Protein backbone atom coordinates (compact mmCIF):
# COMPACT_ATOMS: atom_id res chain seq x y z
CA UNK A 1 107.13 100.24 22.21
CA UNK A 2 107.02 102.23 18.96
CA UNK A 3 109.35 99.63 17.48
CA UNK A 4 107.13 96.82 18.70
CA UNK A 5 104.01 98.43 17.26
CA UNK A 6 105.74 98.97 13.94
CA UNK A 7 106.81 95.34 13.75
CA UNK A 8 103.33 94.09 14.59
CA UNK A 9 101.81 96.26 11.86
CA UNK A 10 104.50 95.07 9.50
CA UNK A 11 103.92 91.38 10.06
CA UNK A 12 100.16 91.83 9.83
CA UNK A 13 100.77 92.74 6.22
CA UNK A 14 100.49 96.52 6.55
CA UNK A 15 104.00 97.19 5.20
CA UNK A 16 105.97 95.64 2.33
CA UNK A 17 109.11 93.52 2.64
CA UNK A 18 111.71 95.80 1.17
CA UNK A 19 115.15 96.23 2.58
CA UNK A 20 116.89 93.69 4.80
CA UNK A 21 120.13 94.77 6.41
CA UNK A 22 121.51 91.54 7.68
CA UNK A 23 124.06 91.84 10.44
CA UNK A 24 126.96 89.65 11.52
CA UNK A 25 127.33 87.68 8.26
CA UNK A 26 130.58 87.77 6.29
CA UNK A 27 128.77 87.56 2.95
CA UNK A 28 125.09 88.46 2.73
CA UNK A 29 122.88 87.21 -0.08
CA UNK A 30 122.56 90.61 -1.73
CA UNK A 31 126.33 91.10 -1.52
CA UNK A 32 126.85 87.75 -3.19
CA UNK A 33 124.50 88.74 -6.03
CA UNK A 34 126.07 92.19 -6.29
CA UNK A 35 129.59 90.76 -6.60
CA UNK A 36 128.44 88.11 -9.04
CA UNK A 37 126.77 90.66 -11.32
CA UNK A 38 129.70 93.03 -10.96
CA UNK A 39 132.09 90.27 -12.02
CA UNK A 40 129.92 89.36 -15.01
CA UNK A 41 129.74 92.99 -16.11
CA UNK A 42 133.51 93.43 -15.81
CA UNK A 43 134.26 90.24 -17.69
CA UNK A 44 131.67 90.75 -20.37
CA UNK A 45 129.89 87.55 -19.36
CA UNK A 46 126.43 86.82 -20.68
CA UNK A 47 123.59 88.40 -18.73
CA UNK A 48 119.81 88.28 -19.23
CA UNK A 49 118.63 90.35 -22.19
CA UNK A 50 116.41 92.37 -19.88
CA UNK A 51 117.73 93.50 -16.50
CA UNK A 52 114.67 93.46 -14.24
CA UNK A 53 113.90 92.42 -10.67
CA UNK A 54 111.76 89.46 -11.70
CA UNK A 55 114.18 88.18 -14.35
CA UNK A 56 117.16 88.29 -11.99
CA UNK A 57 115.16 86.84 -9.07
CA UNK A 58 114.25 83.88 -11.27
CA UNK A 59 117.86 83.52 -12.48
CA UNK A 60 119.26 83.44 -8.92
CA UNK A 61 116.31 81.57 -7.43
CA UNK A 62 115.71 84.16 -4.72
CA UNK A 63 113.08 86.68 -3.67
CA UNK A 64 112.96 90.23 -5.03
CA UNK A 65 114.47 91.71 -1.85
CA UNK A 66 118.18 90.83 -2.29
CA UNK A 67 117.92 91.57 -6.04
CA UNK A 68 116.53 95.04 -5.34
CA UNK A 69 119.31 95.88 -2.88
CA UNK A 70 122.04 94.52 -5.17
CA UNK A 71 120.72 96.57 -8.09
CA UNK A 72 120.50 99.72 -5.98
CA UNK A 73 124.16 99.31 -5.01
CA UNK A 74 125.21 98.59 -8.60
CA UNK A 75 123.30 101.63 -9.86
CA UNK A 76 124.98 103.79 -7.21
CA UNK A 77 128.38 102.40 -8.28
CA UNK A 78 127.47 103.07 -11.95
CA UNK A 79 127.81 99.43 -13.03
CA UNK A 80 124.17 99.58 -14.08
CA UNK A 81 122.49 102.66 -15.50
CA UNK A 82 118.85 103.55 -14.95
CA UNK A 83 117.11 105.44 -17.72
CA UNK A 84 114.40 108.08 -17.32
CA UNK A 85 111.85 105.43 -18.23
CA UNK A 86 113.09 103.26 -15.38
CA UNK A 87 114.74 100.66 -17.60
CA UNK A 88 118.11 99.28 -16.55
CA UNK A 89 121.11 98.65 -18.77
CA UNK A 90 124.73 97.65 -18.34
CA UNK A 91 127.29 100.46 -18.24
CA UNK A 92 129.66 99.45 -21.06
CA UNK A 93 132.40 101.62 -19.54
CA UNK A 94 132.58 99.29 -16.56
CA UNK A 95 133.72 96.36 -18.70
CA UNK A 96 137.36 95.52 -18.07
CA UNK A 97 139.98 95.46 -20.79
CA UNK A 98 140.45 92.13 -22.55
CA UNK A 99 143.57 91.19 -20.57
CA UNK A 100 141.89 91.95 -17.25
CA UNK A 101 138.88 89.85 -18.25
CA UNK A 102 141.10 86.84 -18.84
CA UNK A 103 142.90 87.33 -15.51
CA UNK A 104 139.62 87.59 -13.62
CA UNK A 105 137.70 84.94 -15.53
CA UNK A 106 138.53 82.09 -13.17
CA UNK A 107 137.97 84.02 -9.94
CA UNK A 108 134.18 83.89 -10.04
CA UNK A 109 131.89 85.24 -7.32
CA UNK A 110 132.57 84.71 -3.61
CA UNK A 111 131.57 81.37 -2.10
CA UNK A 112 127.86 81.33 -1.53
CA UNK A 113 126.77 81.54 2.10
CA UNK A 114 124.16 78.79 2.23
CA UNK A 115 123.87 79.23 5.98
CA UNK A 116 122.44 82.70 5.55
CA UNK A 117 120.34 81.84 2.52
CA UNK A 118 118.64 78.93 4.28
CA UNK A 119 118.22 80.97 7.45
CA UNK A 120 116.47 83.73 5.55
CA UNK A 121 114.18 81.26 3.78
CA UNK A 122 113.21 79.61 7.07
CA UNK A 123 112.44 82.97 8.63
CA UNK A 124 110.23 83.73 5.64
CA UNK A 125 108.37 80.47 6.35
CA UNK A 126 108.11 81.31 10.04
CA UNK A 127 106.44 84.67 9.50
CA UNK A 128 103.63 82.95 7.60
CA UNK A 129 102.47 81.86 11.04
CA UNK A 130 101.96 78.23 10.05
CA UNK A 131 103.52 75.02 11.34
CA UNK A 132 105.72 73.82 8.46
CA UNK A 133 107.82 70.66 8.29
CA UNK A 134 111.13 70.38 6.44
CA UNK A 135 112.97 67.32 5.14
CA UNK A 136 116.75 67.25 4.80
CA UNK A 137 116.63 65.31 1.52
CA UNK A 138 114.19 67.64 -0.24
CA UNK A 139 116.00 70.72 1.13
CA UNK A 140 119.32 69.41 -0.20
CA UNK A 141 117.78 68.99 -3.66
CA UNK A 142 116.21 72.44 -3.53
CA UNK A 143 119.48 74.20 -2.69
CA UNK A 144 121.71 71.89 -4.69
CA UNK A 145 123.95 71.03 -1.74
CA UNK A 146 124.72 67.86 0.23
CA UNK A 147 122.59 66.67 3.12
CA UNK A 148 125.56 67.22 5.44
CA UNK A 149 125.43 70.96 4.75
CA UNK A 150 121.67 71.02 5.34
CA UNK A 151 121.99 69.04 8.57
CA UNK A 152 124.69 71.39 9.89
CA UNK A 153 122.59 74.46 9.12
CA UNK A 154 119.42 72.91 10.57
CA UNK A 155 121.23 71.95 13.77
CA UNK A 156 122.50 75.50 14.17
CA UNK A 157 119.04 76.95 13.53
CA UNK A 158 117.59 74.53 16.09
CA UNK A 159 120.10 75.90 18.57
CA UNK A 160 118.88 79.42 17.76
CA UNK A 161 115.29 78.37 18.38
CA UNK A 162 114.09 78.74 14.77
CA UNK A 163 113.27 75.08 14.17
CA UNK A 164 112.80 71.85 16.14
CA UNK A 165 113.84 68.32 15.26
CA UNK A 166 110.83 66.01 15.27
CA UNK A 167 111.64 62.26 15.27
CA UNK A 168 110.47 60.54 12.06
CA UNK A 169 109.02 63.79 10.73
CA UNK A 170 112.11 65.88 10.03
CA UNK A 171 112.30 69.48 11.20
CA UNK A 172 109.49 71.81 12.23
CA UNK A 173 109.65 75.57 11.67
CA UNK A 174 108.59 77.73 14.62
CA UNK A 175 105.65 79.92 13.50
CA UNK A 176 105.98 83.64 14.20
CA UNK A 177 104.22 84.90 17.32
CA UNK A 178 103.48 88.52 18.21
CA UNK A 179 103.76 87.67 21.90
CA UNK A 180 107.21 86.16 21.33
CA UNK A 181 108.27 89.41 19.67
CA UNK A 182 106.93 91.55 22.53
CA UNK A 183 108.59 89.31 25.11
CA UNK A 184 111.90 89.47 23.23
CA UNK A 185 111.76 93.27 22.96
CA UNK A 186 111.18 93.58 26.71
CA UNK A 187 114.11 91.33 27.61
CA UNK A 188 116.32 92.83 24.91
CA UNK A 189 115.78 96.38 26.20
CA UNK A 190 116.65 95.32 29.75
CA UNK A 191 119.79 93.44 28.74
CA UNK A 192 121.03 96.12 26.33
CA UNK A 193 120.79 98.80 28.99
CA UNK A 194 122.68 96.53 31.38
CA UNK A 195 125.28 95.77 28.68
CA UNK A 196 125.76 99.50 28.10
CA UNK A 197 126.25 100.04 31.82
CA UNK A 198 128.85 97.25 32.06
CA UNK A 199 130.64 98.42 28.91
CA UNK A 200 130.84 102.10 29.90
CA UNK A 201 134.52 102.15 30.88
CA UNK A 202 135.59 100.05 27.90
CA UNK A 203 133.92 102.04 25.12
CA UNK A 204 136.45 103.61 22.73
CA UNK A 205 135.73 107.22 21.68
CA UNK A 206 137.14 106.69 18.20
CA UNK A 207 134.86 103.69 17.65
CA UNK A 208 131.86 105.67 18.90
CA UNK A 209 132.72 108.45 16.45
CA UNK A 210 132.86 105.90 13.62
CA UNK A 211 129.38 104.68 14.53
CA UNK A 212 128.18 108.28 14.77
CA UNK A 213 129.43 108.96 11.25
CA UNK A 214 127.87 105.72 9.96
CA UNK A 215 124.49 106.86 11.32
CA UNK A 216 124.73 110.36 9.85
CA UNK A 217 123.40 111.35 6.39
CA UNK A 218 125.88 111.03 3.53
CA UNK A 219 127.25 113.94 1.48
CA UNK A 220 124.01 114.04 -0.53
CA UNK A 221 121.81 114.09 2.55
CA UNK A 222 120.68 110.47 2.18
CA UNK A 223 119.99 108.91 5.59
CA UNK A 224 122.25 106.06 6.68
CA UNK A 225 121.60 103.46 9.36
CA UNK A 226 124.20 101.27 11.05
CA UNK A 227 123.02 98.91 13.81
CA UNK A 228 126.61 98.11 14.79
CA UNK A 229 126.51 100.04 18.12
CA UNK A 230 124.16 97.45 19.65
CA UNK A 231 126.54 94.56 19.09
CA UNK A 232 129.50 96.76 20.08
CA UNK A 233 128.42 97.40 23.64
CA UNK A 234 127.10 93.86 24.01
CA UNK A 235 130.63 92.65 23.22
CA UNK A 236 132.21 95.31 25.42
CA UNK A 237 130.00 94.33 28.36
CA UNK A 238 132.18 91.19 28.66
CA UNK A 239 129.21 89.44 30.24
CA UNK A 240 128.96 86.02 28.65
CA UNK A 241 125.33 85.53 29.70
CA UNK A 242 124.21 88.71 27.97
CA UNK A 243 126.32 87.80 24.95
CA UNK A 244 124.88 84.29 24.95
CA UNK A 245 121.31 85.59 24.94
CA UNK A 246 121.86 87.69 21.83
CA UNK A 247 123.94 85.02 20.10
CA UNK A 248 121.24 82.43 20.76
CA UNK A 249 118.07 84.42 20.05
CA UNK A 250 119.33 87.45 18.14
CA UNK A 251 119.50 85.99 14.63
CA UNK A 252 115.73 85.65 14.16
CA UNK A 253 114.80 89.01 15.61
CA UNK A 254 117.67 90.79 13.88
CA UNK A 255 116.09 89.79 10.58
CA UNK A 256 112.64 90.92 11.69
CA UNK A 257 113.94 94.31 12.83
CA UNK A 258 115.94 94.68 9.63
CA UNK A 259 112.99 93.85 7.38
CA UNK A 260 110.81 96.35 9.23
CA UNK A 261 113.29 99.16 8.58
CA UNK A 262 111.84 100.04 5.20
CA UNK A 263 110.78 103.65 4.74
CA UNK A 264 113.25 106.51 4.64
CA UNK A 265 111.42 108.12 7.57
CA UNK A 266 111.98 104.99 9.69
CA UNK A 267 115.68 104.88 8.77
CA UNK A 268 116.02 108.56 9.67
CA UNK A 269 114.26 108.02 13.01
CA UNK A 270 116.34 105.00 14.01
CA UNK A 271 119.59 106.68 12.90
CA UNK A 272 118.66 109.78 14.92
CA UNK A 273 118.11 107.60 18.00
CA UNK A 274 121.54 106.06 17.50
CA UNK A 275 123.13 109.51 17.19
CA UNK A 276 121.54 110.67 20.44
CA UNK A 277 122.87 107.62 22.28
CA UNK A 278 126.35 107.93 20.77
CA UNK A 279 126.62 111.68 21.43
CA UNK A 280 125.60 111.12 25.04
CA UNK A 281 128.26 108.42 25.40
CA UNK A 282 130.92 110.65 23.86
CA UNK A 283 130.03 113.32 26.43
CA UNK A 284 130.26 110.75 29.20
CA UNK A 285 126.56 111.14 30.02
CA UNK A 286 125.58 107.55 30.78
CA UNK A 287 122.17 108.49 32.21
CA UNK A 288 121.14 110.20 28.98
CA UNK A 289 122.47 107.29 26.90
CA UNK A 290 120.46 104.77 28.96
CA UNK A 291 117.36 106.95 28.64
CA UNK A 292 117.63 107.12 24.86
């Protein structure tokens, strides 16, 4: 229930939206921005005169969240340098040689994942707690894509329970509900424990060790969090009803859990919980793993 309480506080406005860690998407929005900026830096393409969160958010037409994560990753990779005064600048040493720029000029950034972008935007509308209607035509203009793309995404989101189709009115976004969150957490906990029990004999020690490493601090002591173990034993349960539940309802709540994982202390706590579960599984202690 600590997780539930934290999420309720978060969505009451007592914590900032900071660091999404989207799961199960081939290209996340922040990865798209990161690769796009990285390509521009390498090729010497024109970038805004000032590299700031607000300037880049306006340029990409997104919120500050994916920009912040992309910049953090680019700073860590030394594509962007951060001065003592906090100002950001391009690392000239990361620019490719002239020949390489020409070879890479036509490659461009990876194809944008509109499915994820639209999903994230709709979840942002949902957490406002208001009933909001969407029109395919206006959404297509907003995102600069065809109505077919919008309709496909909306139909998928309707299947996931995020929106409803309302005849002659378009689509209606489901407003966020604390009770829905509490109900989901209760069912999720029950099904995950059952999935872990069913998956016990199919769990691979090497894979568990990989997850253990991914949830351990890096060489500099910075905490790392990988939520992969959850999906791993859901898949290994080989129970299609459990898998169907998470595939159907998981997308919305995965975002909410990810957005609530903000502070370093929360990341450390969740990573520590994962390590306890994984160590118990590696020792063959299923009772301890279920308890954790």
